[in-house]
Amino acid sequence: MVRRKSERIAEYETSITQAMRVLKEISEDTTTPRNIRRSAKAAIDALLEVSVSHAVRAANAISMLDEVSQDPNMPPYTRTRIWNVVSILETIKD
C-alpha cells in the first residue's frame, strides 16, 4: 500500500509539472490576451501551493482555467492548450 501511494504521488507530481510547463508557455505568449496570461500564472501558483493535497491544487487550477476558457477573445490554439491542461489535471484524484 505504501509503495502504491508513493507511485501515485510521483505520477501526480509528473502531471502537475507537465501542466505547469504548458501554463508557463501560455503565460509567456505575447499573442495571448493579458487576462488569460494572468490566469495561467494564477493557475501555476495554485499548483505550487503545497499546503493542500494534489487533488485540491488541481481542482483550484481547473476552476481558474475553466472560467477563463470561456473568454471570447482567447485564440483557438490557446483554448486547446488550456483544455489539454485541464484534462491532464482531471486525472489527479484524492
PDB file of N, CA and C in Angstrom:
ATOM      1  N   MET A   1       0.826  -1.197   0.000  1.00  0.00           N
ATOM      2  CA  MET A   1       0.000   0.000   0.000  1.00  0.00           C
ATOM      3  C   MET A   1       0.867   1.257   0.000  1.00  0.00           C
ATOM      4  N   VAL A   2       1.922   1.285   0.800  1.00  0.00           N
ATOM      5  CA  VAL A   2       2.774   2.470   0.882  1.00  0.00           C
ATOM      6  C   VAL A   2       3.463   2.714  -0.455  1.00  0.00           C
ATOM      7  N   ARG A   3       3.952   1.657  -1.056  1.00  0.00           N
ATOM      8  CA  ARG A   3       4.634   1.801  -2.345  1.00  0.00           C
ATOM      9  C   ARG A   3       3.663   2.311  -3.398  1.00  0.00           C
ATOM     10  N   ARG A   4       2.476   1.790  -3.393  1.00  0.00           N
ATOM     11  CA  ARG A   4       1.454   2.203  -4.353  1.00  0.00           C
ATOM     12  C   ARG A   4       1.105   3.678  -4.186  1.00  0.00           C
ATOM     13  N   LYS A   5       1.005   4.121  -2.947  1.00  0.00           N
ATOM     14  CA  LYS A   5       0.691   5.521  -2.681  1.00  0.00           C
ATOM     15  C   LYS A   5       1.823   6.424  -3.168  1.00  0.00           C
ATOM     16  N   SER A   6       3.054   6.013  -2.934  1.00  0.00           N
ATOM     17  CA  SER A   6       4.185   6.833  -3.379  1.00  0.00           C
ATOM     18  C   SER A   6       4.265   6.873  -4.907  1.00  0.00           C
ATOM     19  N   GLU A   7       3.891   5.784  -5.553  1.00  0.00           N
ATOM     20  CA  GLU A   7       3.852   5.778  -7.022  1.00  0.00           C
ATOM     21  C   GLU A   7       2.797   6.741  -7.539  1.00  0.00           C
ATOM     22  N   ARG A   8       1.656   6.754  -6.876  1.00  0.00           N
ATOM     23  CA  ARG A   8       0.572   7.643  -7.271  1.00  0.00           C
ATOM     24  C   ARG A   8       0.975   9.107  -7.075  1.00  0.00           C
ATOM     25  N   ILE A   9       1.626   9.398  -5.962  1.00  0.00           N
ATOM     26  CA  ILE A   9       2.085  10.763  -5.702  1.00  0.00           C
ATOM     27  C   ILE A   9       3.108  11.186  -6.746  1.00  0.00           C
ATOM     28  N   ALA A  10       4.007  10.295  -7.114  1.00  0.00           N
ATOM     29  CA  ALA A  10       5.002  10.605  -8.150  1.00  0.00           C
ATOM     30  C   ALA A  10       4.314  10.870  -9.489  1.00  0.00           C
ATOM     31  N   GLU A  11       3.285  10.094  -9.783  1.00  0.00           N
ATOM     32  CA  GLU A  11       2.515  10.294 -11.016  1.00  0.00           C
ATOM     33  C   GLU A  11       1.807  11.652 -10.999  1.00  0.00           C
ATOM     34  N   TYR A  12       1.239  12.019  -9.855  1.00  0.00           N
ATOM     35  CA  TYR A  12       0.581  13.316  -9.721  1.00  0.00           C
ATOM     36  C   TYR A  12       1.573  14.456  -9.893  1.00  0.00           C
ATOM     37  N   GLU A  13       2.752  14.311  -9.300  1.00  0.00           N
ATOM     38  CA  GLU A  13       3.783  15.343  -9.442  1.00  0.00           C
ATOM     39  C   GLU A  13       4.185  15.511 -10.905  1.00  0.00           C
ATOM     40  N   THR A  14       4.294  14.406 -11.620  1.00  0.00           N
ATOM     41  CA  THR A  14       4.628  14.460 -13.043  1.00  0.00           C
ATOM     42  C   THR A  14       3.535  15.180 -13.821  1.00  0.00           C
ATOM     43  N   SER A  15       2.287  14.872 -13.518  1.00  0.00           N
ATOM     44  CA  SER A  15       1.166  15.529 -14.196  1.00  0.00           C
ATOM     45  C   SER A  15       1.145  17.023 -13.908  1.00  0.00           C
ATOM     46  N   ILE A  16       1.374  17.390 -12.669  1.00  0.00           N
ATOM     47  CA  ILE A  16       1.382  18.807 -12.300  1.00  0.00           C
ATOM     48  C   ILE A  16       2.531  19.528 -12.989  1.00  0.00           C
ATOM     49  N   THR A  17       3.686  18.906 -13.044  1.00  0.00           N
ATOM     50  CA  THR A  17       4.835  19.510 -13.724  1.00  0.00           C
ATOM     51  C   THR A  17       4.545  19.707 -15.198  1.00  0.00           C
ATOM     52  N   GLN A  18       3.932  18.716 -15.814  1.00  0.00           N
ATOM     53  CA  GLN A  18       3.587  18.804 -17.234  1.00  0.00           C
ATOM     54  C   GLN A  18       2.576  19.940 -17.468  1.00  0.00           C
ATOM     55  N   ALA A  19       1.580  20.033 -16.613  1.00  0.00           N
ATOM     56  CA  ALA A  19       0.573  21.087 -16.736  1.00  0.00           C
ATOM     57  C   ALA A  19       1.202  22.463 -16.535  1.00  0.00           C
ATOM     58  N   MET A  20       2.093  22.577 -15.566  1.00  0.00           N
ATOM     59  CA  MET A  20       2.736  23.865 -15.311  1.00  0.00           C
ATOM     60  C   MET A  20       3.628  24.284 -16.481  1.00  0.00           C
ATOM     61  N   ARG A  21       4.232  23.335 -17.139  1.00  0.00           N
ATOM     62  CA  ARG A  21       5.066  23.651 -18.303  1.00  0.00           C
ATOM     63  C   ARG A  21       4.225  24.302 -19.400  1.00  0.00           C
ATOM     64  N   VAL A  22       3.061  23.737 -19.682  1.00  0.00           N
ATOM     65  CA  VAL A  22       2.175  24.296 -20.705  1.00  0.00           C
ATOM     66  C   VAL A  22       1.632  25.651 -20.262  1.00  0.00           C
ATOM     67  N   LEU A  23       1.258  25.766 -18.990  1.00  0.00           N
ATOM     68  CA  LEU A  23       0.745  27.037 -18.482  1.00  0.00           C
ATOM     69  C   LEU A  23       1.814  28.126 -18.537  1.00  0.00           C
ATOM     70  N   LYS A  24       3.051  27.756 -18.285  1.00  0.00           N
ATOM     71  CA  LYS A  24       4.145  28.725 -18.369  1.00  0.00           C
ATOM     72  C   LYS A  24       4.290  29.231 -19.798  1.00  0.00           C
ATOM     73  N   GLU A  25       4.183  28.330 -20.766  1.00  0.00           N
ATOM     74  CA  GLU A  25       4.246  28.738 -22.175  1.00  0.00           C
ATOM     75  C   GLU A  25       3.103  29.695 -22.512  1.00  0.00           C
ATOM     76  N   ILE A  26       1.911  29.398 -22.021  1.00  0.00           N
ATOM     77  CA  ILE A  26       0.758  30.276 -22.266  1.00  0.00           C
ATOM     78  C   ILE A  26       0.997  31.643 -21.623  1.00  0.00           C
ATOM     79  N   SER A  27       1.514  31.648 -20.395  1.00  0.00           N
ATOM     80  CA  SER A  27       1.706  32.913 -19.680  1.00  0.00           C
ATOM     81  C   SER A  27       2.795  33.781 -20.304  1.00  0.00           C
ATOM     82  N   GLU A  28       3.666  33.172 -21.095  1.00  0.00           N
ATOM     83  CA  GLU A  28       4.740  33.932 -21.742  1.00  0.00           C
ATOM     84  C   GLU A  28       4.443  34.245 -23.203  1.00  0.00           C
ATOM     85  N   ASP A  29       3.311  33.803 -23.708  1.00  0.00           N
ATOM     86  CA  ASP A  29       2.937  34.017 -25.110  1.00  0.00           C
ATOM     87  C   ASP A  29       2.327  35.406 -25.265  1.00  0.00           C
ATOM     88  N   THR A  30       3.034  36.286 -25.952  1.00  0.00           N
ATOM     89  CA  THR A  30       2.571  37.670 -26.086  1.00  0.00           C
ATOM     90  C   THR A  30       1.378  37.810 -27.029  1.00  0.00           C
ATOM     91  N   THR A  31       1.050  36.771 -27.776  1.00  0.00           N
ATOM     92  CA  THR A  31      -0.132  36.834 -28.648  1.00  0.00           C
ATOM     93  C   THR A  31      -1.414  36.503 -27.882  1.00  0.00           C
ATOM     94  N   THR A  32      -1.261  36.048 -26.649  1.00  0.00           N
ATOM     95  CA  THR A  32      -2.404  35.719 -25.801  1.00  0.00           C
ATOM     96  C   THR A  32      -2.792  36.961 -24.995  1.00  0.00           C
ATOM     97  N   PRO A  33      -4.087  37.258 -24.886  1.00  0.00           N
ATOM     98  CA  PRO A  33      -4.513  38.427 -24.105  1.00  0.00           C
ATOM     99  C   PRO A  33      -3.994  38.385 -22.664  1.00  0.00           C
ATOM    100  N   ARG A  34      -3.763  39.560 -22.118  1.00  0.00           N
ATOM    101  CA  ARG A  34      -3.142  39.692 -20.800  1.00  0.00           C
ATOM    102  C   ARG A  34      -3.935  39.006 -19.696  1.00  0.00           C
ATOM    103  N   ASN A  35      -5.270  39.111 -19.732  1.00  0.00           N
ATOM    104  CA  ASN A  35      -6.056  38.496 -18.657  1.00  0.00           C
ATOM    105  C   ASN A  35      -5.921  36.975 -18.668  1.00  0.00           C
ATOM    106  N   ILE A  36      -5.744  36.396 -19.831  1.00  0.00           N
ATOM    107  CA  ILE A  36      -5.577  34.943 -19.933  1.00  0.00           C
ATOM    108  C   ILE A  36      -4.190  34.542 -19.435  1.00  0.00           C
ATOM    109  N   ARG A  37      -3.188  35.337 -19.788  1.00  0.00           N
ATOM    110  CA  ARG A  37      -1.832  35.069 -19.285  1.00  0.00           C
ATOM    111  C   ARG A  37      -1.804  35.173 -17.762  1.00  0.00           C
ATOM    112  N   ARG A  38      -2.527  36.151 -17.230  1.00  0.00           N
ATOM    113  CA  ARG A  38      -2.602  36.331 -15.777  1.00  0.00           C
ATOM    114  C   ARG A  38      -3.271  35.118 -15.120  1.00  0.00           C
ATOM    115  N   SER A  39      -4.312  34.607 -15.741  1.00  0.00           N
ATOM    116  CA  SER A  39      -5.000  33.417 -15.197  1.00  0.00           C
ATOM    117  C   SER A  39      -4.099  32.189 -15.255  1.00  0.00           C
ATOM    118  N   ALA A  40      -3.309  32.074 -16.310  1.00  0.00           N
ATOM    119  CA  ALA A  40      -2.367  30.950 -16.404  1.00  0.00           C
ATOM    120  C   ALA A  40      -1.348  31.026 -15.271  1.00  0.00           C
ATOM    121  N   LYS A  41      -0.860  32.236 -14.971  1.00  0.00           N
ATOM    122  CA  LYS A  41       0.081  32.409 -13.856  1.00  0.00           C
ATOM    123  C   LYS A  41      -0.587  32.080 -12.527  1.00  0.00           C
ATOM    124  N   ALA A  42      -1.844  32.491 -12.373  1.00  0.00           N
ATOM    125  CA  ALA A  42      -2.573  32.187 -11.138  1.00  0.00           C
ATOM    126  C   ALA A  42      -2.776  30.675 -10.983  1.00  0.00           C
ATOM    127  N   ALA A  43      -3.026  29.991 -12.095  1.00  0.00           N
ATOM    128  CA  ALA A  43      -3.179  28.521 -12.039  1.00  0.00           C
ATOM    129  C   ALA A  43      -1.858  27.861 -11.655  1.00  0.00           C
ATOM    130  N   ILE A  44      -0.755  28.389 -12.153  1.00  0.00           N
ATOM    131  CA  ILE A  44       0.562  27.862 -11.762  1.00  0.00           C
ATOM    132  C   ILE A  44       0.752  28.040 -10.259  1.00  0.00           C
ATOM    133  N   ASP A  45       0.410  29.231  -9.755  1.00  0.00           N
ATOM    134  CA  ASP A  45       0.535  29.476  -8.315  1.00  0.00           C
ATOM    135  C   ASP A  45      -0.331  28.507  -7.506  1.00  0.00           C
ATOM    136  N   ALA A  46      -1.528  28.217  -8.006  1.00  0.00           N
ATOM    137  CA  ALA A  46      -2.410  27.263  -7.320  1.00  0.00           C
ATOM    138  C   ALA A  46      -1.793  25.869  -7.307  1.00  0.00           C
ATOM    139  N   LEU A  47      -1.128  25.500  -8.385  1.00  0.00           N
ATOM    140  CA  LEU A  47      -0.495  24.172  -8.459  1.00  0.00           C
ATOM    141  C   LEU A  47       0.745  24.079  -7.574  1.00  0.00           C
ATOM    142  N   LEU A  48       1.346  25.208  -7.268  1.00  0.00           N
ATOM    143  CA  LEU A  48       2.541  25.215  -6.423  1.00  0.00           C
ATOM    144  C   LEU A  48       2.212  25.269  -4.932  1.00  0.00           C
ATOM    145  N   GLU A  49       0.952  25.441  -4.587  1.00  0.00           N
ATOM    146  CA  GLU A  49       0.526  25.566  -3.187  1.00  0.00           C
ATOM    147  C   GLU A  49       0.662  24.214  -2.490  1.00  0.00           C
ATOM    148  N   VAL A  50       1.706  24.065  -1.672  1.00  0.00           N
ATOM    149  CA  VAL A  50       1.993  22.772  -1.060  1.00  0.00           C
ATOM    150  C   VAL A  50       1.201  22.503   0.226  1.00  0.00           C
ATOM    151  N   SER A  51       0.467  23.487   0.707  1.00  0.00           N
ATOM    152  CA  SER A  51      -0.257  23.289   1.969  1.00  0.00           C
ATOM    153  C   SER A  51      -1.549  22.488   1.790  1.00  0.00           C
ATOM    154  N   VAL A  52      -1.919  22.189   0.540  1.00  0.00           N
ATOM    155  CA  VAL A  52      -3.121  21.394   0.270  1.00  0.00           C
ATOM    156  C   VAL A  52      -2.749  20.170  -0.562  1.00  0.00           C
ATOM    157  N   SER A  53      -3.666  19.227  -0.654  1.00  0.00           N
ATOM    158  CA  SER A  53      -3.381  17.986  -1.383  1.00  0.00           C
ATOM    159  C   SER A  53      -3.265  18.235  -2.890  1.00  0.00           C
ATOM    160  N   HIS A  54      -2.736  17.253  -3.586  1.00  0.00           N
ATOM    161  CA  HIS A  54      -2.593  17.350  -5.043  1.00  0.00           C
ATOM    162  C   HIS A  54      -3.949  17.559  -5.717  1.00  0.00           C
ATOM    163  N   ALA A  55      -4.957  16.851  -5.223  1.00  0.00           N
ATOM    164  CA  ALA A  55      -6.288  16.942  -5.831  1.00  0.00           C
ATOM    165  C   ALA A  55      -6.887  18.334  -5.648  1.00  0.00           C
ATOM    166  N   VAL A  56      -6.684  18.939  -4.496  1.00  0.00           N
ATOM    167  CA  VAL A  56      -7.213  20.277  -4.246  1.00  0.00           C
ATOM    168  C   VAL A  56      -6.480  21.294  -5.114  1.00  0.00           C
ATOM    169  N   ARG A  57      -5.167  21.138  -5.228  1.00  0.00           N
ATOM    170  CA  ARG A  57      -4.391  22.030  -6.085  1.00  0.00           C
ATOM    171  C   ARG A  57      -4.881  21.942  -7.526  1.00  0.00           C
ATOM    172  N   ALA A  58      -5.086  20.718  -7.990  1.00  0.00           N
ATOM    173  CA  ALA A  58      -5.568  20.521  -9.364  1.00  0.00           C
ATOM    174  C   ALA A  58      -6.965  21.105  -9.540  1.00  0.00           C
ATOM    175  N   ALA A  59      -7.838  20.881  -8.570  1.00  0.00           N
ATOM    176  CA  ALA A  59      -9.210  21.393  -8.665  1.00  0.00           C
ATOM    177  C   ALA A  59      -9.228  22.920  -8.685  1.00  0.00           C
ATOM    178  N   ASN A  60      -8.391  23.545  -7.884  1.00  0.00           N
ATOM    179  CA  ASN A  60      -8.325  25.009  -7.874  1.00  0.00           C
ATOM    180  C   ASN A  60      -7.855  25.536  -9.234  1.00  0.00           C
ATOM    181  N   ALA A  61      -6.841  24.909  -9.787  1.00  0.00           N
ATOM    182  CA  ALA A  61      -6.331  25.336 -11.093  1.00  0.00           C
ATOM    183  C   ALA A  61      -7.373  25.102 -12.186  1.00  0.00           C
ATOM    184  N   ILE A  62      -8.056  23.962 -12.136  1.00  0.00           N
ATOM    185  CA  ILE A  62      -9.100  23.666 -13.129  1.00  0.00           C
ATOM    186  C   ILE A  62     -10.195  24.725 -13.068  1.00  0.00           C
ATOM    187  N   SER A  63     -10.582  25.114 -11.867  1.00  0.00           N
ATOM    188  CA  SER A  63     -11.618  26.126 -11.705  1.00  0.00           C
ATOM    189  C   SER A  63     -11.213  27.438 -12.370  1.00  0.00           C
ATOM    190  N   MET A  64      -9.986  27.861 -12.147  1.00  0.00           N
ATOM    191  CA  MET A  64      -9.491  29.097 -12.765  1.00  0.00           C
ATOM    192  C   MET A  64      -9.463  28.988 -14.284  1.00  0.00           C
ATOM    193  N   LEU A  65      -8.971  27.862 -14.765  1.00  0.00           N
ATOM    194  CA  LEU A  65      -8.830  27.682 -16.208  1.00  0.00           C
ATOM    195  C   LEU A  65     -10.177  27.519 -16.895  1.00  0.00           C
ATOM    196  N   ASP A  66     -11.104  26.859 -16.219  1.00  0.00           N
ATOM    197  CA  ASP A  66     -12.433  26.673 -16.791  1.00  0.00           C
ATOM    198  C   ASP A  66     -13.122  28.019 -16.982  1.00  0.00           C
ATOM    199  N   GLU A  67     -12.958  28.882 -15.999  1.00  0.00           N
ATOM    200  CA  GLU A  67     -13.568  30.211 -16.075  1.00  0.00           C
ATOM    201  C   GLU A  67     -12.987  31.018 -17.236  1.00  0.00           C
ATOM    202  N   VAL A  68     -11.665  31.013 -17.379  1.00  0.00           N
ATOM    203  CA  VAL A  68     -11.030  31.823 -18.422  1.00  0.00           C
ATOM    204  C   VAL A  68     -11.196  31.200 -19.813  1.00  0.00           C
ATOM    205  N   SER A  69     -11.446  29.906 -19.886  1.00  0.00           N
ATOM    206  CA  SER A  69     -11.582  29.258 -21.204  1.00  0.00           C
ATOM    207  C   SER A  69     -12.840  29.709 -21.939  1.00  0.00           C
ATOM    208  N   GLN A  70     -13.743  30.373 -21.229  1.00  0.00           N
ATOM    209  CA  GLN A  70     -14.964  30.884 -21.848  1.00  0.00           C
ATOM    210  C   GLN A  70     -14.761  32.254 -22.504  1.00  0.00           C
ATOM    211  N   ASP A  71     -13.579  32.835 -22.343  1.00  0.00           N
ATOM    212  CA  ASP A  71     -13.285  34.173 -22.868  1.00  0.00           C
ATOM    213  C   ASP A  71     -13.343  34.169 -24.395  1.00  0.00           C
ATOM    214  N   PRO A  72     -14.190  35.014 -24.995  1.00  0.00           N
ATOM    215  CA  PRO A  72     -14.312  35.035 -26.460  1.00  0.00           C
ATOM    216  C   PRO A  72     -13.076  35.604 -27.162  1.00  0.00           C
ATOM    217  N   ASN A  73     -12.218  36.305 -26.435  1.00  0.00           N
ATOM    218  CA  ASN A  73     -11.012  36.874 -27.036  1.00  0.00           C
ATOM    219  C   ASN A  73      -9.841  35.906 -27.071  1.00  0.00           C
ATOM    220  N   MET A  74     -10.042  34.724 -26.541  1.00  0.00           N
ATOM    221  CA  MET A  74      -8.952  33.759 -26.483  1.00  0.00           C
ATOM    222  C   MET A  74      -8.691  33.164 -27.864  1.00  0.00           C
ATOM    223  N   PRO A  75      -7.414  33.153 -28.275  1.00  0.00           N
ATOM    224  CA  PRO A  75      -7.084  32.492 -29.545  1.00  0.00           C
ATOM    225  C   PRO A  75      -7.416  30.993 -29.462  1.00  0.00           C
ATOM    226  N   PRO A  76      -7.901  30.421 -30.564  1.00  0.00           N
ATOM    227  CA  PRO A  76      -8.296  28.997 -30.535  1.00  0.00           C
ATOM    228  C   PRO A  76      -7.173  28.051 -30.103  1.00  0.00           C
ATOM    229  N   TYR A  77      -5.937  28.324 -30.511  1.00  0.00           N
ATOM    230  CA  TYR A  77      -4.847  27.430 -30.131  1.00  0.00           C
ATOM    231  C   TYR A  77      -4.568  27.490 -28.628  1.00  0.00           C
ATOM    232  N   THR A  78      -4.792  28.649 -28.028  1.00  0.00           N
ATOM    233  CA  THR A  78      -4.607  28.775 -26.575  1.00  0.00           C
ATOM    234  C   THR A  78      -5.712  28.027 -25.843  1.00  0.00           C
ATOM    235  N   ARG A  79      -6.931  28.129 -26.344  1.00  0.00           N
ATOM    236  CA  ARG A  79      -8.060  27.413 -25.725  1.00  0.00           C
ATOM    237  C   ARG A  79      -7.792  25.901 -25.756  1.00  0.00           C
ATOM    238  N   THR A  80      -7.284  25.424 -26.868  1.00  0.00           N
ATOM    239  CA  THR A  80      -6.975  23.992 -26.985  1.00  0.00           C
ATOM    240  C   THR A  80      -5.913  23.583 -25.970  1.00  0.00           C
ATOM    241  N   ARG A  81      -4.908  24.415 -25.795  1.00  0.00           N
ATOM    242  CA  ARG A  81      -3.855  24.105 -24.819  1.00  0.00           C
ATOM    243  C   ARG A  81      -4.405  24.116 -23.396  1.00  0.00           C
ATOM    244  N   ILE A  82      -5.303  25.051 -23.108  1.00  0.00           N
ATOM    245  CA  ILE A  82      -5.908  25.098 -21.770  1.00  0.00           C
ATOM    246  C   ILE A  82      -6.755  23.852 -21.530  1.00  0.00           C
ATOM    247  N   TRP A  83      -7.515  23.440 -22.526  1.00  0.00           N
ATOM    248  CA  TRP A  83      -8.302  22.206 -22.382  1.00  0.00           C
ATOM    249  C   TRP A  83      -7.387  21.007 -22.154  1.00  0.00           C
ATOM    250  N   ASN A  84      -6.236  21.002 -22.810  1.00  0.00           N
ATOM    251  CA  ASN A  84      -5.272  19.928 -22.625  1.00  0.00           C
ATOM    252  C   ASN A  84      -4.778  19.908 -21.174  1.00  0.00           C
ATOM    253  N   VAL A  85      -4.464  21.076 -20.630  1.00  0.00           N
ATOM    254  CA  VAL A  85      -4.021  21.166 -19.238  1.00  0.00           C
ATOM    255  C   VAL A  85      -5.123  20.681 -18.299  1.00  0.00           C
ATOM    256  N   VAL A  86      -6.353  21.083 -18.562  1.00  0.00           N
ATOM    257  CA  VAL A  86      -7.474  20.664 -17.716  1.00  0.00           C
ATOM    258  C   VAL A  86      -7.612  19.141 -17.746  1.00  0.00           C
ATOM    259  N   SER A  87      -7.491  18.529 -18.913  1.00  0.00           N
ATOM    260  CA  SER A  87      -7.621  17.067 -18.955  1.00  0.00           C
ATOM    261  C   SER A  87      -6.462  16.373 -18.250  1.00  0.00           C
ATOM    262  N   ILE A  88      -5.277  16.967 -18.267  1.00  0.00           N
ATOM    263  CA  ILE A  88      -4.157  16.402 -17.502  1.00  0.00           C
ATOM    264  C   ILE A  88      -4.469  16.479 -16.006  1.00  0.00           C
ATOM    265  N   LEU A  89      -4.961  17.629 -15.573  1.00  0.00           N
ATOM    266  CA  LEU A  89      -5.228  17.823 -14.148  1.00  0.00           C
ATOM    267  C   LEU A  89      -6.424  17.023 -13.653  1.00  0.00           C
ATOM    268  N   GLU A  90      -7.361  16.707 -14.534  1.00  0.00           N
ATOM    269  CA  GLU A  90      -8.540  15.941 -14.117  1.00  0.00           C
ATOM    270  C   GLU A  90      -8.189  14.510 -13.713  1.00  0.00           C
ATOM    271  N   THR A  91      -7.019  14.039 -14.067  1.00  0.00           N
ATOM    272  CA  THR A  91      -6.621  12.680 -13.693  1.00  0.00           C
ATOM    273  C   THR A  91      -6.174  12.601 -12.229  1.00  0.00           C
ATOM    274  N   ILE A  92      -5.980  13.764 -11.592  1.00  0.00           N
ATOM    275  CA  ILE A  92      -5.499  13.787 -10.207  1.00  0.00           C
ATOM    276  C   ILE A  92      -6.696  13.708  -9.253  1.00  0.00           C
ATOM    277  N   LYS A  93      -6.709  12.675  -8.460  1.00  0.00           N
ATOM    278  CA  LYS A  93      -7.794  12.424  -7.514  1.00  0.00           C
ATOM    279  C   LYS A  93      -7.210  12.175  -6.130  1.00  0.00           C
ATOM    280  N   ASP A  94      -8.034  12.326  -5.090  1.00  0.00           N
ATOM    281  CA  ASP A  94      -7.598  12.005  -3.715  1.00  0.00           C
ATOM    282  C   ASP A  94      -7.689  10.518  -3.474  1.00  0.00           C
TER     283      ASP A  94
END
